[in-house]
Amino acid sequence: MSDVLKNFTDGDFDDAVLKSDKPVLVDFWAEWCGPCKALTPTIEAVAEETAGNWVVGKMDIQNNPQTAGKLGIRSIPALMFFQGGDCKATLMGTQSKDKILETMKTVTG
């Protein structure tokens, strides 16, 4: 995994994501999910490209079911874009790097 790509857990989600002073992209995934694994290189590239402006990370829903349950994650991969403690946008399924970056721009204005 990339050095700039974070690994979020149920234990640190509030502090690392909801209380972050930067916007945060969370990729909800699971080890057994083929499309999730296919999306990982794209998420790593986005993390590298937006380092310093965004916090980008992954959250394994199998090992961290509480947060996914609270947020109503029913299908993965799910990309959620947070700013100021609120989810500002969600993308479901495999996405292109361009679509992810475009969504990031809409979140930050």
N, C-alpha and C. Protein backbone atom coordinates (compact mmCIF):
# COMPACT_ATOMS: atom_id res chain seq x y z
N MET A 1 0.83 -1.18 0.00
CA MET A 1 0.00 0.00 0.00
C MET A 1 0.88 1.25 0.00
N SER A 2 0.37 2.30 -0.57
CA SER A 2 1.07 3.57 -0.66
C SER A 2 1.31 4.17 0.72
N ASP A 3 2.39 4.93 0.85
CA ASP A 3 2.71 5.59 2.12
C ASP A 3 1.65 6.62 2.51
N VAL A 4 1.02 7.25 1.53
CA VAL A 4 0.04 8.29 1.83
C VAL A 4 -1.37 7.73 2.00
N LEU A 5 -1.57 6.46 1.69
CA LEU A 5 -2.88 5.83 1.82
C LEU A 5 -3.05 5.33 3.26
N LYS A 6 -4.07 5.84 3.94
CA LYS A 6 -4.32 5.49 5.34
C LYS A 6 -5.15 4.21 5.43
N ASN A 7 -5.12 3.62 6.62
CA ASN A 7 -5.94 2.45 6.92
C ASN A 7 -6.82 2.82 8.11
N PHE A 8 -8.11 3.07 7.86
CA PHE A 8 -9.02 3.49 8.92
C PHE A 8 -9.64 2.27 9.62
N THR A 9 -9.96 2.46 10.90
CA THR A 9 -10.60 1.40 11.70
C THR A 9 -11.81 1.99 12.42
N ASP A 10 -12.64 1.09 12.98
CA ASP A 10 -13.76 1.55 13.80
C ASP A 10 -13.24 2.43 14.94
N GLY A 11 -12.08 2.07 15.50
CA GLY A 11 -11.53 2.78 16.64
C GLY A 11 -11.05 4.19 16.36
N ASP A 12 -10.56 4.43 15.14
CA ASP A 12 -10.02 5.77 14.86
C ASP A 12 -10.86 6.58 13.87
N PHE A 13 -11.99 6.05 13.43
CA PHE A 13 -12.79 6.70 12.39
C PHE A 13 -13.21 8.12 12.78
N ASP A 14 -13.73 8.30 13.98
CA ASP A 14 -14.20 9.62 14.39
C ASP A 14 -13.07 10.65 14.34
N ASP A 15 -11.92 10.31 14.94
CA ASP A 15 -10.80 11.25 14.97
C ASP A 15 -10.16 11.44 13.61
N ALA A 16 -9.92 10.34 12.89
CA ALA A 16 -9.18 10.40 11.63
C ALA A 16 -10.02 10.93 10.47
N VAL A 17 -11.32 10.70 10.50
CA VAL A 17 -12.18 11.09 9.38
C VAL A 17 -13.11 12.25 9.75
N LEU A 18 -13.96 12.04 10.74
CA LEU A 18 -14.98 13.04 11.05
C LEU A 18 -14.40 14.32 11.64
N LYS A 19 -13.30 14.22 12.38
CA LYS A 19 -12.69 15.41 13.00
C LYS A 19 -11.48 15.93 12.23
N SER A 20 -11.24 15.38 11.04
CA SER A 20 -10.09 15.82 10.24
C SER A 20 -10.26 17.27 9.80
N ASP A 21 -9.16 18.02 9.80
CA ASP A 21 -9.21 19.40 9.31
C ASP A 21 -9.10 19.45 7.79
N LYS A 22 -8.86 18.31 7.17
CA LYS A 22 -8.82 18.21 5.71
C LYS A 22 -9.99 17.34 5.24
N PRO A 23 -10.41 17.49 3.99
CA PRO A 23 -11.42 16.56 3.47
C PRO A 23 -10.83 15.15 3.41
N VAL A 24 -11.71 14.16 3.54
CA VAL A 24 -11.27 12.76 3.61
C VAL A 24 -12.07 11.90 2.64
N LEU A 25 -11.36 11.06 1.89
CA LEU A 25 -11.98 10.04 1.03
C LEU A 25 -11.76 8.69 1.70
N VAL A 26 -12.85 7.97 1.94
CA VAL A 26 -12.77 6.64 2.51
C VAL A 26 -13.27 5.62 1.50
N ASP A 27 -12.44 4.64 1.22
CA ASP A 27 -12.79 3.52 0.34
C ASP A 27 -13.18 2.35 1.24
N PHE A 28 -14.48 2.03 1.29
CA PHE A 28 -14.95 0.89 2.06
C PHE A 28 -14.82 -0.35 1.19
N TRP A 29 -14.13 -1.38 1.69
CA TRP A 29 -13.80 -2.54 0.90
C TRP A 29 -13.74 -3.78 1.78
N ALA A 30 -13.51 -4.94 1.15
CA ALA A 30 -13.26 -6.20 1.87
C ALA A 30 -12.30 -7.04 1.04
N GLU A 31 -11.54 -7.87 1.73
CA GLU A 31 -10.52 -8.72 1.09
C GLU A 31 -11.13 -9.63 0.02
N TRP A 32 -12.35 -10.12 0.24
CA TRP A 32 -12.98 -11.08 -0.67
C TRP A 32 -13.64 -10.42 -1.89
N CYS A 33 -13.61 -9.08 -1.95
CA CYS A 33 -14.30 -8.33 -3.00
C CYS A 33 -13.37 -8.05 -4.18
N GLY A 34 -13.60 -8.72 -5.30
CA GLY A 34 -12.79 -8.54 -6.50
C GLY A 34 -12.77 -7.11 -7.03
N PRO A 35 -13.95 -6.47 -7.21
CA PRO A 35 -13.95 -5.09 -7.67
C PRO A 35 -13.22 -4.14 -6.71
N CYS A 36 -13.27 -4.45 -5.42
CA CYS A 36 -12.57 -3.62 -4.43
C CYS A 36 -11.06 -3.70 -4.65
N LYS A 37 -10.58 -4.91 -4.87
CA LYS A 37 -9.14 -5.09 -5.11
C LYS A 37 -8.72 -4.41 -6.41
N ALA A 38 -9.58 -4.48 -7.41
CA ALA A 38 -9.28 -3.84 -8.70
C ALA A 38 -9.22 -2.32 -8.57
N LEU A 39 -9.96 -1.76 -7.62
CA LEU A 39 -10.00 -0.32 -7.43
C LEU A 39 -8.79 0.21 -6.65
N THR A 40 -8.11 -0.66 -5.91
CA THR A 40 -7.02 -0.24 -5.03
C THR A 40 -5.93 0.58 -5.74
N PRO A 41 -5.41 0.16 -6.90
CA PRO A 41 -4.38 0.99 -7.56
C PRO A 41 -4.88 2.40 -7.90
N THR A 42 -6.15 2.53 -8.24
CA THR A 42 -6.73 3.84 -8.54
C THR A 42 -6.77 4.69 -7.27
N ILE A 43 -7.18 4.09 -6.16
CA ILE A 43 -7.24 4.82 -4.89
C ILE A 43 -5.83 5.24 -4.47
N GLU A 44 -4.86 4.37 -4.67
CA GLU A 44 -3.47 4.72 -4.34
C GLU A 44 -3.00 5.90 -5.18
N ALA A 45 -3.34 5.90 -6.47
CA ALA A 45 -2.95 7.00 -7.36
C ALA A 45 -3.61 8.31 -6.93
N VAL A 46 -4.87 8.24 -6.56
CA VAL A 46 -5.59 9.43 -6.08
C VAL A 46 -4.95 9.94 -4.79
N ALA A 47 -4.58 9.04 -3.89
CA ALA A 47 -3.94 9.43 -2.63
C ALA A 47 -2.63 10.16 -2.90
N GLU A 48 -1.84 9.63 -3.83
CA GLU A 48 -0.56 10.27 -4.18
C GLU A 48 -0.78 11.66 -4.78
N GLU A 49 -1.76 11.75 -5.67
CA GLU A 49 -2.00 12.99 -6.40
C GLU A 49 -2.59 14.09 -5.51
N THR A 50 -3.33 13.72 -4.49
CA THR A 50 -4.01 14.71 -3.65
C THR A 50 -3.37 14.86 -2.27
N ALA A 51 -2.22 14.22 -2.06
CA ALA A 51 -1.52 14.30 -0.76
C ALA A 51 -1.29 15.75 -0.38
N GLY A 52 -1.55 16.05 0.88
CA GLY A 52 -1.41 17.42 1.36
C GLY A 52 -2.72 18.17 1.37
N ASN A 53 -3.60 17.84 0.44
CA ASN A 53 -4.91 18.50 0.37
C ASN A 53 -6.04 17.62 0.88
N TRP A 54 -5.91 16.32 0.69
CA TRP A 54 -6.92 15.35 1.11
C TRP A 54 -6.25 14.26 1.93
N VAL A 55 -7.04 13.66 2.82
CA VAL A 55 -6.65 12.42 3.49
C VAL A 55 -7.40 11.32 2.75
N VAL A 56 -6.68 10.31 2.27
CA VAL A 56 -7.30 9.22 1.52
C VAL A 56 -6.95 7.91 2.21
N GLY A 57 -7.97 7.08 2.41
CA GLY A 57 -7.71 5.80 3.06
C GLY A 57 -8.76 4.76 2.76
N LYS A 58 -8.46 3.56 3.24
CA LYS A 58 -9.34 2.41 3.03
C LYS A 58 -9.83 1.91 4.37
N MET A 59 -11.03 1.32 4.37
CA MET A 59 -11.57 0.73 5.58
C MET A 59 -12.15 -0.63 5.24
N ASP A 60 -11.55 -1.67 5.83
CA ASP A 60 -11.99 -3.05 5.61
C ASP A 60 -13.26 -3.27 6.43
N ILE A 61 -14.40 -3.42 5.75
CA ILE A 61 -15.67 -3.53 6.46
C ILE A 61 -15.83 -4.86 7.20
N GLN A 62 -15.09 -5.86 6.78
CA GLN A 62 -15.18 -7.15 7.47
C GLN A 62 -14.53 -7.07 8.85
N ASN A 63 -13.42 -6.34 8.95
CA ASN A 63 -12.73 -6.18 10.22
C ASN A 63 -13.24 -4.98 11.02
N ASN A 64 -14.00 -4.12 10.38
CA ASN A 64 -14.52 -2.91 11.02
C ASN A 64 -15.99 -2.71 10.66
N PRO A 65 -16.86 -3.60 11.14
CA PRO A 65 -18.27 -3.56 10.73
C PRO A 65 -19.10 -2.44 11.35
N GLN A 66 -18.67 -1.88 12.48
CA GLN A 66 -19.49 -0.88 13.17
C GLN A 66 -19.68 0.38 12.33
N THR A 67 -18.60 0.92 11.82
CA THR A 67 -18.69 2.16 11.05
C THR A 67 -19.50 1.95 9.78
N ALA A 68 -19.23 0.86 9.07
CA ALA A 68 -19.97 0.57 7.84
C ALA A 68 -21.46 0.45 8.14
N GLY A 69 -21.80 -0.18 9.25
CA GLY A 69 -23.20 -0.32 9.65
C GLY A 69 -23.84 1.02 9.95
N LYS A 70 -23.12 1.87 10.71
CA LYS A 70 -23.64 3.20 11.05
C LYS A 70 -23.88 4.05 9.82
N LEU A 71 -23.00 3.89 8.82
CA LEU A 71 -23.11 4.70 7.61
C LEU A 71 -24.03 4.08 6.56
N GLY A 72 -24.56 2.90 6.85
CA GLY A 72 -25.49 2.25 5.93
C GLY A 72 -24.84 1.67 4.68
N ILE A 73 -23.59 1.26 4.79
CA ILE A 73 -22.89 0.66 3.65
C ILE A 73 -23.50 -0.72 3.40
N ARG A 74 -24.11 -0.90 2.23
CA ARG A 74 -24.75 -2.16 1.88
C ARG A 74 -24.06 -2.86 0.71
N SER A 75 -23.23 -2.10 0.01
CA SER A 75 -22.57 -2.62 -1.19
C SER A 75 -21.17 -2.02 -1.25
N ILE A 76 -20.22 -2.84 -1.69
CA ILE A 76 -18.84 -2.35 -1.82
C ILE A 76 -18.33 -2.69 -3.22
N PRO A 77 -17.33 -1.95 -3.72
CA PRO A 77 -16.70 -0.83 -3.07
C PRO A 77 -17.63 0.38 -2.97
N ALA A 78 -17.46 1.12 -1.88
CA ALA A 78 -18.20 2.35 -1.66
C ALA A 78 -17.18 3.43 -1.31
N LEU A 79 -17.22 4.52 -2.02
CA LEU A 79 -16.34 5.65 -1.76
C LEU A 79 -17.16 6.77 -1.15
N MET A 80 -16.75 7.20 0.05
CA MET A 80 -17.46 8.28 0.72
C MET A 80 -16.50 9.44 0.93
N PHE A 81 -16.98 10.64 0.61
CA PHE A 81 -16.19 11.86 0.66
C PHE A 81 -16.69 12.71 1.82
N PHE A 82 -15.83 12.91 2.82
CA PHE A 82 -16.21 13.64 4.03
C PHE A 82 -15.52 14.99 4.09
N GLN A 83 -16.25 15.97 4.63
CA GLN A 83 -15.66 17.26 4.92
C GLN A 83 -16.41 17.85 6.11
N GLY A 84 -15.65 18.33 7.09
CA GLY A 84 -16.27 18.93 8.27
C GLY A 84 -17.14 17.96 9.04
N GLY A 85 -16.82 16.68 9.00
CA GLY A 85 -17.57 15.69 9.76
C GLY A 85 -18.80 15.13 9.06
N ASP A 86 -19.09 15.63 7.87
CA ASP A 86 -20.27 15.17 7.12
C ASP A 86 -19.87 14.50 5.82
N CYS A 87 -20.68 13.52 5.41
CA CYS A 87 -20.48 12.89 4.11
C CYS A 87 -21.09 13.82 3.06
N LYS A 88 -20.24 14.29 2.15
CA LYS A 88 -20.67 15.25 1.13
C LYS A 88 -21.01 14.58 -0.20
N ALA A 89 -20.46 13.37 -0.42
CA ALA A 89 -20.72 12.65 -1.67
C ALA A 89 -20.39 11.17 -1.47
N THR A 90 -21.02 10.34 -2.29
CA THR A 90 -20.77 8.90 -2.28
C THR A 90 -20.74 8.38 -3.71
N LEU A 91 -19.78 7.52 -3.99
CA LEU A 91 -19.72 6.83 -5.28
C LEU A 91 -19.75 5.34 -4.98
N MET A 92 -20.57 4.60 -5.69
CA MET A 92 -20.68 3.16 -5.49
C MET A 92 -20.06 2.42 -6.67
N GLY A 93 -19.39 1.32 -6.37
CA GLY A 93 -18.81 0.49 -7.43
C GLY A 93 -17.46 1.02 -7.89
N THR A 94 -16.91 0.33 -8.87
CA THR A 94 -15.61 0.70 -9.41
C THR A 94 -15.73 2.03 -10.16
N GLN A 95 -14.79 2.93 -9.90
CA GLN A 95 -14.82 4.27 -10.49
C GLN A 95 -13.48 4.57 -11.15
N SER A 96 -13.51 5.47 -12.12
CA SER A 96 -12.27 5.90 -12.76
C SER A 96 -11.59 6.96 -11.88
N LYS A 97 -10.30 7.10 -12.06
CA LYS A 97 -9.55 8.12 -11.33
C LYS A 97 -10.14 9.50 -11.62
N ASP A 98 -10.47 9.77 -12.88
CA ASP A 98 -11.03 11.06 -13.26
C ASP A 98 -12.34 11.35 -12.53
N LYS A 99 -13.21 10.35 -12.42
CA LYS A 99 -14.50 10.53 -11.74
C LYS A 99 -14.27 10.82 -10.25
N ILE A 100 -13.31 10.12 -9.63
CA ILE A 100 -13.02 10.33 -8.21
C ILE A 100 -12.48 11.75 -8.00
N LEU A 101 -11.53 12.16 -8.84
CA LEU A 101 -10.95 13.51 -8.71
C LEU A 101 -12.01 14.59 -8.97
N GLU A 102 -12.90 14.35 -9.92
CA GLU A 102 -13.98 15.29 -10.22
C GLU A 102 -14.90 15.43 -9.00
N THR A 103 -15.21 14.32 -8.36
CA THR A 103 -16.07 14.35 -7.17
C THR A 103 -15.37 15.09 -6.03
N MET A 104 -14.07 14.90 -5.89
CA MET A 104 -13.31 15.62 -4.86
C MET A 104 -13.41 17.12 -5.07
N LYS A 105 -13.33 17.55 -6.32
CA LYS A 105 -13.42 18.98 -6.63
C LYS A 105 -14.80 19.54 -6.26
N THR A 106 -15.85 18.76 -6.47
CA THR A 106 -17.19 19.25 -6.12
C THR A 106 -17.36 19.37 -4.61
N VAL A 107 -16.70 18.48 -3.86
CA VAL A 107 -16.78 18.50 -2.40
C VAL A 107 -16.09 19.74 -1.83
N THR A 108 -14.94 20.07 -2.39
CA THR A 108 -14.17 21.20 -1.85
C THR A 108 -14.51 22.53 -2.52
N GLY A 109 -15.35 22.48 -3.54
CA GLY A 109 -15.76 23.70 -4.22
C GLY A 109 -14.70 24.19 -5.12
